[in-house]
Amino acid sequence: MTDRDRQALESFWKQRVEDAHIRYQEATAALRIAREIQSQAPRPDGSFAFGQALRAENRALAEYKRVLTIFNELVIYGQIPPED
């Protein structure tokens, strides 16, 4: 792999990390809103919305961690990421 190819790959994965981080922040904000609404909404609806928001935040965090790990392994160890 040439230096130019590696830089392009690092740039690509850096953008993926940034995108995943933004999605995680948005999911965290949605969870905060769902938590506030839960106390005001009727029992089944409020709890359901909160559960959905919590699962979405967990998925976003898992994806952020996955992409960040791939990026770190690429930058630090030169490990080429798997095809996505």
Protein backbone atom coordinates (compact mmCIF):
# COMPACT_ATOMS: atom_id res chain seq x y z
CA MET A 1 0.00 0.00 0.00
CA THR A 2 1.38 3.37 -0.96
CA ASP A 3 1.56 6.27 1.44
CA ARG A 4 -1.09 8.08 -0.61
CA ASP A 5 -3.43 5.06 -0.40
CA ARG A 6 -2.96 4.86 3.35
CA GLN A 7 -3.68 8.57 3.78
CA ALA A 8 -6.86 8.21 1.73
CA LEU A 9 -7.93 5.21 3.80
CA GLU A 10 -7.23 7.08 7.05
CA SER A 11 -9.20 10.06 5.79
CA PHE A 12 -12.13 7.82 4.85
CA TRP A 13 -12.22 6.16 8.29
CA LYS A 14 -11.72 9.45 10.10
CA GLN A 15 -14.88 10.72 8.38
CA ARG A 16 -16.72 7.55 9.40
CA VAL A 17 -15.65 8.12 13.02
CA GLU A 18 -16.92 11.69 12.90
CA ASP A 19 -20.23 10.60 11.36
CA ALA A 20 -20.70 7.84 13.94
CA HIS A 21 -19.92 10.29 16.74
CA ILE A 22 -22.56 12.70 15.46
CA ARG A 23 -25.15 9.90 15.29
CA TYR A 24 -24.27 8.89 18.86
CA GLN A 25 -24.65 12.48 20.09
CA GLU A 26 -28.03 12.74 18.35
CA ALA A 27 -29.18 9.46 19.90
CA THR A 28 -28.06 10.66 23.33
CA ALA A 29 -30.02 13.89 22.88
CA ALA A 30 -33.10 11.91 21.80
CA LEU A 31 -32.74 9.71 24.89
CA ARG A 32 -32.63 12.78 27.12
CA ILE A 33 -35.84 14.06 25.53
CA ALA A 34 -37.52 10.65 25.84
CA ARG A 35 -36.55 10.54 29.52
CA GLU A 36 -38.21 13.92 30.08
CA ILE A 37 -41.32 12.91 28.15
CA GLN A 38 -41.56 9.57 29.94
CA SER A 39 -42.48 11.26 33.19
CA GLN A 40 -45.29 13.19 31.49
CA ALA A 41 -46.69 10.55 29.10
CA PRO A 42 -49.07 7.76 30.01
CA ARG A 43 -47.34 4.63 31.30
CA PRO A 44 -47.17 2.33 28.28
CA ASP A 45 -46.40 5.05 25.73
CA GLY A 46 -43.77 6.85 27.76
CA SER A 47 -41.99 3.66 28.73
CA PHE A 48 -42.07 2.37 25.16
CA ALA A 49 -40.61 5.59 23.75
CA PHE A 50 -37.89 5.62 26.39
CA GLY A 51 -37.00 1.99 25.67
CA GLN A 52 -36.79 2.67 21.95
CA ALA A 53 -34.56 5.70 22.52
CA LEU A 54 -32.34 3.73 24.89
CA ARG A 55 -31.89 0.92 22.36
CA ALA A 56 -31.11 3.45 19.61
CA GLU A 57 -28.47 5.08 21.80
CA ASN A 58 -26.93 1.68 22.58
CA ARG A 59 -26.75 0.82 18.87
CA ALA A 60 -25.22 4.20 18.05
CA LEU A 61 -22.63 3.79 20.80
CA ALA A 62 -21.72 0.28 19.65
CA GLU A 63 -21.25 1.52 16.08
CA TYR A 64 -19.17 4.49 17.23
CA LYS A 65 -16.92 2.20 19.27
CA ARG A 66 -16.59 -0.25 16.35
CA VAL A 67 -15.61 2.44 13.85
CA LEU A 68 -13.26 4.12 16.33
CA THR A 69 -11.50 0.82 17.00
CA ILE A 70 -11.03 0.22 13.27
CA PHE A 71 -9.66 3.73 12.81
CA ASN A 72 -7.27 3.38 15.76
CA GLU A 73 -5.96 0.04 14.53
CA LEU A 74 -5.40 1.53 11.09
CA VAL A 75 -3.58 4.61 12.34
CA ILE A 76 -1.59 3.06 15.17
CA TYR A 77 -0.81 -0.44 13.85
CA GLY A 78 -1.35 -0.06 10.12
CA GLN A 79 -3.97 -2.80 10.18
CA ILE A 80 -6.11 -2.65 7.04
CA PRO A 81 -9.83 -2.68 7.96
CA PRO A 82 -12.16 -5.37 6.66
CA GLU A 83 -14.50 -4.62 3.77
CA ASP A 84 -17.70 -3.02 5.02
